[in-house]
Amino acid sequence: MRPGPTLLALSLLFAPAASCDWPMFGGDPQRTGWAAKETLVNRSNAGTLELKWKIRLDNAPKELTSLTAPIVVDQVKTIRGIKEYVVVGGSSDSVFAIDADTGKLVWQKSFTLTVKSARNPNGLCPFALNATPAVAPTGRPKTVYVISSDGRLHALSMVDGEYRFPPASFVPPFSKNWSLNVKDGVLYTAVGQRCNGTTSGVYSIDLNSPDHPVRSFQSGLPGIWGRAGVAISTAGVVFAETGDGPYQPDKGQFADTILALAPDLTLVSYYTPANREWLTRKDLDMGSISPVVLRYGGKDYIVGSGKEGRLFVLDPELPGGADHRTPLYRSELITNEDAAYAAQGFWGSFATWQDPQGDSWLFAPAWGPQHPAARPFSVTNGDANHGSIMAFRVESKDGKPMLSPAWRSRDLNVPEPPIIANGVVFALSSGEDVHQADAAGYGMNTKERLRNSTHAVLYAFDSETGKELFSSGDTITSFTHFGGLAISNGRIFVSTYDGSVYAFGLKNEER
């Protein structure tokens, strides 16, 4: 029996509204960077984007670390109505919630540290809040999770920032943590770069259990420092990329390796490139980027890379084959002809999507120019000597997936991780000076890099051709360091080094 008109109208009236959350870095546990529910921005109207608001937050940078990448929490039920909040963490151990409609600060929580570091901070280890917060995609009430620099996990109400449960010990104090990921009630983060003497690895904390047990996998000296932290397959396998260091798998040392971990963080398998020794010797570590879970032909695949400038496609069930050294696909060198360790290669994280025709795509942030021996892209959009977004279509060869060059964007000054929505690829030219040494070979300190940095620019590109649809020009006045983008309900959010958050939306939009 079908409901009558009145009953049907009431059921629609009280049905929960569709949520367009961007609850974590990359938008989902797979780190795809794909806003699959976004319907407002598209190829035809992306050119009308404009600045909607900007807010300057009370945050003091620590070395090069300032605000985290933003996340967005939709459908927050408050006494003032249903709200949408933008959340960022601050290096000075604070978290901020901003009204996405008005750009006004709703609440701020500052954390009191329980311990002090006996070591001095530096550009690599700023002893700051560093990990992008996360919100569980499902469940009520909505809670934002943040790691303060002393290693404690804070669970805060999205409504007012009050504690859901007391702060819980999670990771070692003043370790450097990367973007939080949450799946099936378990929260994950990666720890890298041996800050405060901490062994690198992956940590998890069970949010379902009242005592919040913590588990960890120690990767030894090799750090796990990809921007997005870990990626989690639809089957729940946790993937992480490590950086330089010793390689002794029998002793738990996994340099320049893609690790596959069970949900309880026991080692399942791993992939180590055949030229791993070369990578480590030349500081071309794979830890510069996080892996992504790519969907193709109804199956998960893992894509990874690193400073060297190659791309790998792995089977998530057996990433490196029987010998741990054989991927499904290994590209030629696509970027980094100079084998430079600082300003070239693939950095940050990827984006993937499946277009309306069912084709799977990968979008990769390349620092520096394309390698002259790389396969040509079908479409280029001018010279790209400083960096670009590179787009690849996933195809099949001998029954295995491979990445076919499709287009390369215009020149970008150190591109941040891209995101995609409704056929539009959004990317940020960071404007940061990422060189770690000057022309004489002397290391550059934070002050020198700050002096040489410019400002970020937000771009929108056509997902099929890389054609520029929008540029923010000089609107953004500061640069970004290891940042990222968020999108929700037709608006794109950017956070910058000077403590500002920007919202770009469609012109003449109706709210």
Protein backbone atom coordinates (compact mmCIF):
# COMPACT_ATOMS: atom_id res chain seq x y z
CA MET A 1 0.00 0.00 0.00
CA ARG A 2 1.39 3.38 -1.06
CA PRO A 3 1.26 6.32 1.38
CA GLY A 4 -1.28 9.01 0.59
CA PRO A 5 -0.21 12.51 -0.46
CA THR A 6 -0.37 13.92 3.06
CA LEU A 7 1.61 11.08 4.59
CA LEU A 8 4.18 11.26 1.80
CA ALA A 9 4.59 15.02 2.27
CA LEU A 10 5.12 14.60 6.00
CA SER A 11 7.69 11.85 5.48
CA LEU A 12 9.64 14.11 3.12
CA LEU A 13 9.33 17.04 5.50
CA PHE A 14 10.92 15.16 8.37
CA ALA A 15 13.42 13.11 6.32
CA PRO A 16 17.04 13.91 7.18
CA ALA A 17 18.67 16.27 4.68
CA ALA A 18 21.50 15.01 2.53
CA SER A 19 24.85 15.83 4.13
CA CYS A 20 27.73 17.19 2.07
CA ASP A 21 30.38 16.77 4.75
CA TRP A 22 34.09 16.96 4.00
CA PRO A 23 34.86 15.20 7.29
CA MET A 24 38.59 14.55 6.90
CA PHE A 25 41.58 15.26 4.69
CA GLY A 26 40.77 14.03 1.19
CA GLY A 27 37.08 13.80 2.04
CA ASP A 28 36.93 10.08 2.86
CA PRO A 29 38.97 7.23 4.41
CA GLN A 30 40.27 6.24 0.95
CA ARG A 31 41.70 9.79 0.55
CA THR A 32 40.16 10.08 -2.93
CA GLY A 33 39.65 13.84 -2.81
CA TRP A 34 36.35 13.26 -4.60
CA ALA A 35 33.26 15.16 -3.45
CA ALA A 36 30.82 12.64 -4.89
CA LYS A 37 27.75 14.37 -3.43
CA GLU A 38 28.61 17.83 -4.70
CA THR A 39 26.04 19.11 -7.22
CA LEU A 40 26.28 22.91 -7.14
CA VAL A 41 29.66 23.56 -8.79
CA ASN A 42 30.18 22.28 -12.32
CA ARG A 43 32.13 23.04 -15.49
CA SER A 44 29.61 25.60 -16.72
CA ASN A 45 29.55 27.79 -13.59
CA ALA A 46 33.00 27.31 -11.99
CA GLY A 47 34.18 30.46 -13.77
CA THR A 48 31.86 32.56 -11.59
CA LEU A 49 33.54 31.63 -8.33
CA GLU A 50 34.34 34.58 -6.09
CA LEU A 51 35.50 35.27 -2.55
CA LYS A 52 32.57 34.96 -0.15
CA TRP A 53 34.37 35.62 3.09
CA LYS A 54 37.72 35.64 4.85
CA ILE A 55 38.49 35.36 8.54
CA ARG A 56 41.78 35.84 10.38
CA LEU A 57 42.12 33.48 13.35
CA ASP A 58 44.12 33.94 16.55
CA ASN A 59 46.87 31.44 15.83
CA ALA A 60 50.64 31.78 16.15
CA PRO A 61 52.65 29.82 13.56
CA LYS A 62 55.38 27.52 14.79
CA GLU A 63 58.23 27.41 12.28
CA LEU A 64 56.45 26.61 8.96
CA THR A 65 53.41 25.05 10.58
CA SER A 66 50.25 27.13 11.00
CA LEU A 67 46.63 26.14 10.26
CA THR A 68 45.73 22.61 9.20
CA ALA A 69 43.79 21.93 6.03
CA PRO A 70 40.08 22.65 6.61
CA ILE A 71 37.34 20.09 7.05
CA VAL A 72 33.59 20.77 6.78
CA VAL A 73 30.78 19.42 8.94
CA ASP A 74 27.27 19.80 7.56
CA GLN A 75 23.88 19.35 9.26
CA VAL A 76 24.99 20.38 12.75
CA LYS A 77 21.81 20.76 14.80
CA THR A 78 22.02 23.77 17.14
CA ILE A 79 19.60 25.94 19.09
CA ARG A 80 20.01 28.52 16.31
CA GLY A 81 19.10 26.06 13.54
CA ILE A 82 20.93 23.57 11.33
CA LYS A 83 24.44 24.80 10.63
CA GLU A 84 27.44 23.99 8.48
CA TYR A 85 30.82 24.50 10.13
CA VAL A 86 34.36 24.77 8.77
CA VAL A 87 36.92 23.37 11.22
CA VAL A 88 40.68 23.98 11.27
CA GLY A 89 43.35 23.13 13.79
CA GLY A 90 45.94 25.72 14.80
CA SER A 91 49.64 25.12 15.40
CA SER A 92 49.40 26.90 18.75
CA ASP A 93 47.20 24.06 20.06
CA SER A 94 43.77 25.41 19.26
CA VAL A 95 40.86 24.31 17.12
CA PHE A 96 38.38 26.70 15.48
CA ALA A 97 34.82 26.24 14.19
CA ILE A 98 33.59 28.80 11.64
CA ASP A 99 30.08 29.28 10.28
CA ALA A 100 30.37 28.27 6.61
CA ASP A 101 27.58 30.68 5.61
CA THR A 102 28.78 33.83 7.36
CA GLY A 103 32.49 33.32 7.98
CA LYS A 104 32.04 34.15 11.66
CA LEU A 105 33.86 32.27 14.43
CA VAL A 106 31.38 30.06 16.30
CA TRP A 107 33.66 28.55 18.91
CA GLN A 108 37.33 28.07 19.72
CA LYS A 109 38.99 25.55 22.01
CA SER A 110 42.54 26.00 23.27
CA PHE A 111 44.35 23.05 24.82
CA THR A 112 46.48 23.18 27.95
CA LEU A 113 49.55 20.99 27.49
CA THR A 114 50.36 18.45 30.16
CA VAL A 115 54.07 18.09 29.39
CA LYS A 116 56.89 20.13 27.91
CA SER A 117 59.49 19.05 25.40
CA ALA A 118 63.11 18.87 26.52
CA ARG A 119 64.20 19.55 22.93
CA ASN A 120 64.14 22.72 20.85
CA PRO A 121 61.75 22.96 17.90
CA ASN A 122 62.99 23.39 14.33
CA GLY A 123 61.61 23.56 10.80
CA LEU A 124 61.20 19.81 10.58
CA CYS A 125 59.89 19.34 14.12
CA PRO A 126 57.92 22.42 15.20
CA PHE A 127 56.32 20.71 18.23
CA ALA A 128 52.94 21.97 17.07
CA LEU A 129 49.43 20.72 16.45
CA ASN A 130 49.95 19.37 12.94
CA ALA A 131 47.33 16.70 12.10
CA THR A 132 44.21 17.77 10.22
CA PRO A 133 41.20 16.95 12.47
CA ALA A 134 38.51 14.44 11.50
CA VAL A 135 34.83 13.78 12.12
CA ALA A 136 33.26 10.33 11.89
CA PRO A 137 31.15 10.41 8.67
CA THR A 138 28.23 8.74 10.44
CA GLY A 139 26.78 8.85 13.92
CA ARG A 140 25.11 11.37 16.17
CA PRO A 141 25.93 13.66 17.77
CA LYS A 142 28.77 14.82 15.53
CA THR A 143 32.17 14.95 17.20
CA VAL A 144 35.44 16.44 15.94
CA TYR A 145 38.68 14.68 16.91
CA VAL A 146 41.93 16.61 17.35
CA ILE A 147 45.45 15.66 18.52
CA SER A 148 47.20 18.34 20.57
CA SER A 149 50.98 18.61 20.44
CA ASP A 150 51.36 16.76 23.75
CA GLY A 151 49.91 13.63 22.10
CA ARG A 152 46.42 13.64 23.64
CA LEU A 153 43.23 13.07 21.68
CA HIS A 154 40.45 15.60 22.21
CA ALA A 155 36.85 14.70 21.29
CA LEU A 156 34.75 17.86 21.00
CA SER A 157 31.11 18.52 20.29
CA MET A 158 30.58 20.14 16.92
CA VAL A 159 27.84 22.27 18.46
CA ASP A 160 29.88 24.14 21.05
CA GLY A 161 33.37 22.60 21.37
CA GLU A 162 32.66 20.96 24.71
CA TYR A 163 34.29 17.62 25.53
CA ARG A 164 32.51 14.38 24.64
CA PHE A 165 34.93 12.47 26.84
CA PRO A 166 38.08 13.48 28.75
CA PRO A 167 41.32 13.91 26.77
CA ALA A 168 42.91 10.50 26.13
CA SER A 169 46.58 9.62 25.67
CA PHE A 170 47.07 8.63 22.05
CA VAL A 171 50.51 9.26 20.49
CA PRO A 172 53.89 10.16 22.06
CA PRO A 173 54.19 13.82 23.10
CA PHE A 174 55.56 16.18 20.45
CA SER A 175 55.68 13.51 17.81
CA LYS A 176 54.70 14.84 14.38
CA ASN A 177 51.28 13.47 13.48
CA TRP A 178 49.53 13.56 10.13
CA SER A 179 45.92 13.92 9.02
CA LEU A 180 43.48 11.85 11.07
CA ASN A 181 41.47 9.10 9.40
CA VAL A 182 38.44 7.34 10.88
CA LYS A 183 36.68 4.19 9.74
CA ASP A 184 34.28 1.87 11.60
CA GLY A 185 34.76 3.77 14.85
CA VAL A 186 38.56 3.52 14.85
CA LEU A 187 40.72 6.63 14.50
CA TYR A 188 44.13 6.44 12.78
CA THR A 189 47.12 8.72 12.39
CA ALA A 190 50.68 8.41 11.11
CA VAL A 191 53.78 9.48 13.06
CA GLY A 192 56.89 10.45 11.20
CA GLN A 193 60.19 12.31 11.05
CA ARG A 194 61.32 11.13 14.51
CA CYS A 195 60.33 14.37 16.24
CA ASN A 196 61.14 14.42 19.97
CA GLY A 197 62.91 11.09 19.45
CA THR A 198 59.67 9.25 18.55
CA THR A 199 59.80 6.04 16.55
CA SER A 200 57.80 6.34 13.34
CA GLY A 201 54.67 4.30 12.72
CA VAL A 202 50.89 4.15 12.50
CA TYR A 203 48.66 4.57 15.58
CA SER A 204 45.00 3.79 16.14
CA ILE A 205 42.55 4.43 18.97
CA ASP A 206 39.22 2.62 19.33
CA LEU A 207 36.40 5.12 19.75
CA ASN A 208 33.83 2.36 20.25
CA SER A 209 35.34 1.13 23.52
CA PRO A 210 34.91 3.18 26.73
CA ASP A 211 38.57 2.75 27.65
CA HIS A 212 39.78 3.75 24.13
CA PRO A 213 42.60 1.21 23.66
CA VAL A 214 45.55 2.34 21.53
CA ARG A 215 47.41 0.15 19.04
CA SER A 216 50.48 0.92 16.97
CA PHE A 217 52.69 -0.45 14.21
CA GLN A 218 56.30 0.71 14.47
CA SER A 219 58.08 1.19 11.13
CA GLY A 220 61.39 1.97 12.80
CA LEU A 221 63.51 4.91 11.71
CA PRO A 222 61.81 5.42 8.31
CA GLY A 223 59.19 8.10 8.77
CA ILE A 224 55.56 8.06 7.60
CA TRP A 225 54.90 11.68 6.69
CA GLY A 226 52.60 11.79 3.67
CA ARG A 227 50.23 14.75 3.91
CA ALA A 228 47.07 12.67 4.13
CA GLY A 229 48.45 10.21 6.67
CA VAL A 230 47.13 6.73 5.92
CA ALA A 231 44.54 5.59 3.37
CA ILE A 232 42.05 2.84 4.18
CA SER A 233 40.58 0.50 1.57
CA THR A 234 36.89 -0.37 1.48
CA ALA A 235 37.90 -3.71 3.02
CA GLY A 236 39.49 -1.89 5.98
CA VAL A 237 43.18 -2.44 5.11
CA VAL A 238 45.39 0.49 6.18
CA PHE A 239 48.04 1.71 3.73
CA ALA A 240 51.00 3.98 4.49
CA GLU A 241 54.17 5.07 2.67
CA THR A 242 57.49 5.36 4.48
CA GLY A 243 60.51 7.56 3.86
CA ASP A 244 64.28 7.11 3.98
CA GLY A 245 66.13 5.01 6.51
CA PRO A 246 67.32 1.46 7.17
CA TYR A 247 65.70 -1.43 5.32
CA GLN A 248 65.60 -4.63 7.36
CA PRO A 249 62.07 -6.10 7.18
CA ASP A 250 62.97 -8.96 9.53
CA LYS A 251 63.82 -6.31 12.14
CA GLY A 252 60.85 -4.07 11.46
CA GLN A 253 62.74 -1.47 9.38
CA PHE A 254 60.79 -0.60 6.21
CA ALA A 255 62.43 2.29 4.34
CA ASP A 256 60.78 3.59 1.14
CA THR A 257 57.98 1.06 1.30
CA ILE A 258 54.20 0.96 0.97
CA LEU A 259 52.83 -0.91 3.98
CA ALA A 260 49.55 -2.82 4.15
CA LEU A 261 48.24 -3.21 7.71
CA ALA A 262 45.20 -5.00 9.10
CA PRO A 263 42.66 -2.90 11.05
CA ASP A 264 44.45 -3.98 14.25
CA LEU A 265 47.71 -2.67 12.68
CA THR A 266 49.42 -6.02 12.25
CA LEU A 267 51.50 -6.21 9.06
CA VAL A 268 49.67 -7.92 6.19
CA SER A 269 52.06 -7.28 3.32
CA TYR A 270 54.18 -4.58 1.72
CA TYR A 271 55.74 -3.30 -1.51
CA THR A 272 59.33 -2.04 -1.79
CA PRO A 273 60.63 -0.73 -5.15
CA ALA A 274 63.50 -2.67 -6.69
CA ASN A 275 65.66 0.49 -6.63
CA ARG A 276 64.97 1.19 -2.97
CA GLU A 277 68.67 1.56 -2.12
CA TRP A 278 69.03 4.29 -4.77
CA LEU A 279 65.97 6.11 -3.45
CA THR A 280 67.29 6.13 0.10
CA ARG A 281 70.79 7.16 -0.94
CA LYS A 282 69.51 10.13 -2.96
CA ASP A 283 66.86 11.21 -0.40
CA LEU A 284 64.09 10.47 -2.91
CA ASP A 285 61.90 8.95 -0.24
CA MET A 286 58.38 7.81 -0.92
CA GLY A 287 57.19 9.40 2.31
CA SER A 288 56.56 12.69 0.48
CA ILE A 289 53.08 11.54 -0.57
CA SER A 290 50.29 9.43 0.88
CA PRO A 291 48.81 6.49 -1.04
CA VAL A 292 45.27 6.61 -2.41
CA VAL A 293 42.63 3.93 -2.89
CA LEU A 294 41.56 4.02 -6.53
CA ARG A 295 38.41 2.27 -7.73
CA TYR A 296 38.62 0.60 -11.16
CA GLY A 297 36.53 -2.17 -12.67
CA GLY A 298 34.63 -2.66 -9.43
CA LYS A 299 37.84 -3.32 -7.46
CA ASP A 300 40.15 -1.35 -5.15
CA TYR A 301 43.70 -0.59 -6.24
CA ILE A 302 46.42 1.33 -4.42
CA VAL A 303 48.40 4.11 -6.09
CA GLY A 304 51.61 5.42 -4.57
CA SER A 305 54.62 7.48 -5.58
CA GLY A 306 57.29 9.70 -4.06
CA LYS A 307 60.02 12.23 -4.78
CA GLU A 308 61.53 10.07 -7.51
CA GLY A 309 58.65 10.90 -9.85
CA ARG A 310 57.22 7.48 -10.70
CA LEU A 311 53.71 6.14 -10.10
CA PHE A 312 52.88 2.65 -8.83
CA VAL A 313 49.63 0.70 -9.01
CA LEU A 314 49.32 -2.14 -6.48
CA ASP A 315 46.92 -4.96 -5.73
CA PRO A 316 45.70 -4.23 -2.18
CA GLU A 317 45.58 -7.94 -1.35
CA LEU A 318 49.21 -8.54 -2.35
CA PRO A 319 50.83 -5.12 -2.92
CA GLY A 320 54.28 -6.26 -4.00
CA GLY A 321 53.50 -9.73 -5.27
CA ALA A 322 55.08 -12.81 -3.76
CA ASP A 323 58.53 -11.17 -3.53
CA HIS A 324 57.25 -7.80 -2.22
CA ARG A 325 59.06 -6.08 -5.12
CA THR A 326 56.64 -6.53 -8.05
CA PRO A 327 53.81 -3.99 -8.56
CA LEU A 328 50.98 -4.37 -11.03
CA TYR A 329 52.23 -1.25 -12.78
CA ARG A 330 55.37 0.90 -12.51
CA SER A 331 55.52 4.03 -14.64
CA GLU A 332 58.49 5.59 -16.33
CA LEU A 333 59.96 8.70 -14.71
CA ILE A 334 57.27 11.34 -15.15
CA THR A 335 58.92 14.23 -13.32
CA ASN A 336 62.16 15.07 -11.44
CA GLU A 337 64.79 14.72 -14.17
CA ASP A 338 67.35 16.21 -11.75
CA ALA A 339 66.66 13.62 -9.04
CA ALA A 340 66.24 16.59 -6.69
CA TYR A 341 65.25 15.78 -3.12
CA ALA A 342 63.36 18.98 -2.27
CA ALA A 343 61.41 20.79 -4.98
CA GLN A 344 60.55 18.06 -7.48
CA GLY A 345 58.65 14.77 -7.63
CA PHE A 346 55.16 13.95 -6.36
CA TRP A 347 54.20 15.44 -2.98
CA GLY A 348 51.13 15.59 -0.75
CA SER A 349 48.30 13.31 -1.87
CA PHE A 350 46.32 12.34 -4.97
CA ALA A 351 42.72 12.67 -6.09
CA THR A 352 40.69 10.08 -7.99
CA TRP A 353 37.21 9.86 -9.45
CA GLN A 354 35.01 7.90 -11.83
CA ASP A 355 33.42 10.08 -14.50
CA PRO A 356 29.82 9.66 -15.75
CA GLN A 357 31.08 7.33 -18.49
CA GLY A 358 32.56 5.01 -15.84
CA ASP A 359 36.21 5.85 -16.59
CA SER A 360 38.56 6.05 -13.61
CA TRP A 361 41.01 8.95 -13.30
CA LEU A 362 44.03 9.86 -11.16
CA PHE A 363 45.10 13.46 -10.51
CA ALA A 364 48.65 13.92 -9.18
CA PRO A 365 50.40 17.07 -7.85
CA ALA A 366 53.79 17.23 -9.58
CA TRP A 367 56.49 19.56 -8.33
CA GLY A 368 58.85 20.78 -11.04
CA PRO A 369 58.69 20.20 -14.80
CA GLN A 370 57.67 17.06 -16.66
CA HIS A 371 60.51 14.61 -17.32
CA PRO A 372 61.60 14.93 -20.99
CA ALA A 373 61.54 11.15 -21.43
CA ALA A 374 58.01 10.75 -20.03
CA ARG A 375 55.17 9.73 -22.32
CA PRO A 376 53.50 12.84 -23.73
CA PHE A 377 50.18 14.02 -22.37
CA SER A 378 47.33 14.17 -24.86
CA VAL A 379 46.64 17.77 -23.78
CA THR A 380 49.00 20.32 -22.26
CA ASN A 381 48.08 23.82 -21.14
CA GLY A 382 51.31 25.71 -21.64
CA ASP A 383 54.70 25.33 -19.99
CA ALA A 384 54.72 24.02 -16.44
CA ASN A 385 58.27 24.46 -15.16
CA HIS A 386 57.39 24.99 -11.51
CA GLY A 387 54.74 22.28 -11.16
CA SER A 388 51.36 21.12 -12.37
CA ILE A 389 48.43 18.82 -11.82
CA MET A 390 48.90 15.75 -13.99
CA ALA A 391 45.83 13.76 -15.01
CA PHE A 392 45.89 10.08 -15.92
CA ARG A 393 43.13 7.86 -17.26
CA VAL A 394 43.16 4.31 -15.90
CA GLU A 395 43.28 1.70 -18.64
CA SER A 396 43.86 -2.04 -18.82
CA LYS A 397 46.89 -3.74 -20.33
CA ASP A 398 47.39 -7.49 -20.17
CA GLY A 399 44.58 -7.64 -17.63
CA LYS A 400 46.27 -5.15 -15.29
CA PRO A 401 45.52 -1.47 -14.70
CA MET A 402 47.92 1.13 -16.06
CA LEU A 403 47.97 4.94 -16.03
CA SER A 404 47.70 6.68 -19.39
CA PRO A 405 48.72 10.40 -19.51
CA ALA A 406 45.64 12.50 -20.34
CA TRP A 407 46.41 16.16 -19.57
CA ARG A 408 48.73 18.46 -17.69
CA SER A 409 47.58 21.73 -16.17
CA ARG A 410 49.06 25.18 -16.52
CA ASP A 411 52.11 26.10 -14.46
CA LEU A 412 51.55 25.97 -10.69
CA ASN A 413 53.98 27.25 -8.07
CA VAL A 414 54.22 24.13 -5.89
CA PRO A 415 50.77 22.51 -6.21
CA GLU A 416 48.96 21.27 -3.13
CA PRO A 417 46.81 18.09 -3.25
CA PRO A 418 43.92 18.49 -5.72
CA ILE A 419 40.27 17.64 -5.13
CA ILE A 420 37.50 16.95 -7.65
CA ALA A 421 33.76 17.61 -7.78
CA ASN A 422 31.29 17.20 -10.63
CA GLY A 423 33.88 17.36 -13.42
CA VAL A 424 35.92 20.20 -11.91
CA VAL A 425 39.42 19.70 -10.49
CA PHE A 426 40.39 22.25 -7.84
CA ALA A 427 44.05 22.86 -7.10
CA LEU A 428 46.07 25.28 -5.05
CA SER A 429 49.32 26.83 -6.16
CA SER A 430 50.88 27.16 -2.72
CA GLY A 431 53.37 29.98 -3.31
CA GLU A 432 55.79 28.48 -0.79
CA ASP A 433 59.53 28.42 -1.27
CA VAL A 434 60.18 24.71 -0.75
CA HIS A 435 63.93 24.69 -1.40
CA GLN A 436 65.88 23.32 1.52
CA ALA A 437 69.31 24.57 0.45
CA ASP A 438 70.60 27.70 -1.30
CA ALA A 439 72.79 27.85 -4.41
CA ALA A 440 75.92 27.40 -2.29
CA GLY A 441 74.58 24.26 -0.64
CA TYR A 442 73.83 25.82 2.73
CA GLY A 443 70.59 24.80 4.42
CA MET A 444 67.81 27.38 4.38
CA ASN A 445 66.14 28.19 7.67
CA THR A 446 62.49 29.06 8.25
CA LYS A 447 63.07 32.83 8.04
CA GLU A 448 64.71 32.51 4.63
CA ARG A 449 61.90 30.36 3.28
CA LEU A 450 59.29 32.76 4.64
CA ARG A 451 61.04 35.67 2.97
CA ASN A 452 61.12 33.91 -0.41
CA SER A 453 57.51 32.68 -0.36
CA THR A 454 54.72 34.56 -2.16
CA HIS A 455 50.97 33.77 -2.04
CA ALA A 456 48.63 30.94 -2.90
CA VAL A 457 46.27 30.87 -5.88
CA LEU A 458 43.15 28.71 -6.15
CA TYR A 459 42.43 27.24 -9.60
CA ALA A 460 39.60 25.25 -11.15
CA PHE A 461 40.30 22.99 -14.14
CA ASP A 462 38.12 21.00 -16.51
CA SER A 463 38.55 17.36 -15.47
CA GLU A 464 38.72 16.13 -19.08
CA THR A 465 41.15 18.68 -20.56
CA GLY A 466 42.83 20.59 -17.75
CA LYS A 467 41.54 23.85 -19.22
CA GLU A 468 41.58 26.66 -16.66
CA LEU A 469 38.06 27.60 -15.57
CA PHE A 470 38.87 29.88 -12.64
CA SER A 471 41.77 31.59 -10.89
CA SER A 472 41.65 33.53 -7.62
CA GLY A 473 44.52 35.75 -8.80
CA ASP A 474 45.86 37.92 -5.97
CA THR A 475 42.86 37.42 -3.67
CA ILE A 476 44.77 35.13 -1.29
CA THR A 477 47.57 37.11 0.32
CA SER A 478 49.61 34.41 2.11
CA PHE A 479 51.10 31.06 1.14
CA THR A 480 50.25 27.56 2.29
CA HIS A 481 52.59 24.98 3.79
CA PHE A 482 51.59 21.31 3.48
CA GLY A 483 47.97 22.38 3.12
CA GLY A 484 44.89 21.09 1.38
CA LEU A 485 41.42 22.02 0.16
CA ALA A 486 37.89 21.26 1.30
CA ILE A 487 34.61 21.58 -0.59
CA SER A 488 30.99 21.46 0.53
CA ASN A 489 27.70 22.75 -0.86
CA GLY A 490 29.25 24.74 -3.67
CA ARG A 491 32.02 26.40 -1.63
CA ILE A 492 35.76 25.76 -1.59
CA PHE A 493 37.74 26.46 1.58
CA VAL A 494 41.43 27.36 1.92
CA SER A 495 43.58 27.99 5.00
CA THR A 496 46.87 29.89 4.84
CA TYR A 497 50.06 30.42 6.81
CA ASP A 498 49.04 33.82 8.18
CA GLY A 499 46.11 32.24 10.06
CA SER A 500 43.41 33.09 7.51
CA VAL A 501 40.58 30.94 6.16
CA TYR A 502 38.98 31.78 2.80
CA ALA A 503 35.66 30.66 1.33
CA PHE A 504 35.04 30.83 -2.43
CA GLY A 505 31.53 30.31 -3.79
CA LEU A 506 29.42 30.84 -6.89
CA LYS A 507 28.40 34.35 -7.86
CA ASN A 508 24.72 35.12 -7.35
CA GLU A 509 24.24 31.92 -5.37
CA GLU A 510 21.01 31.67 -3.44
CA ARG A 511 21.04 30.35 0.13
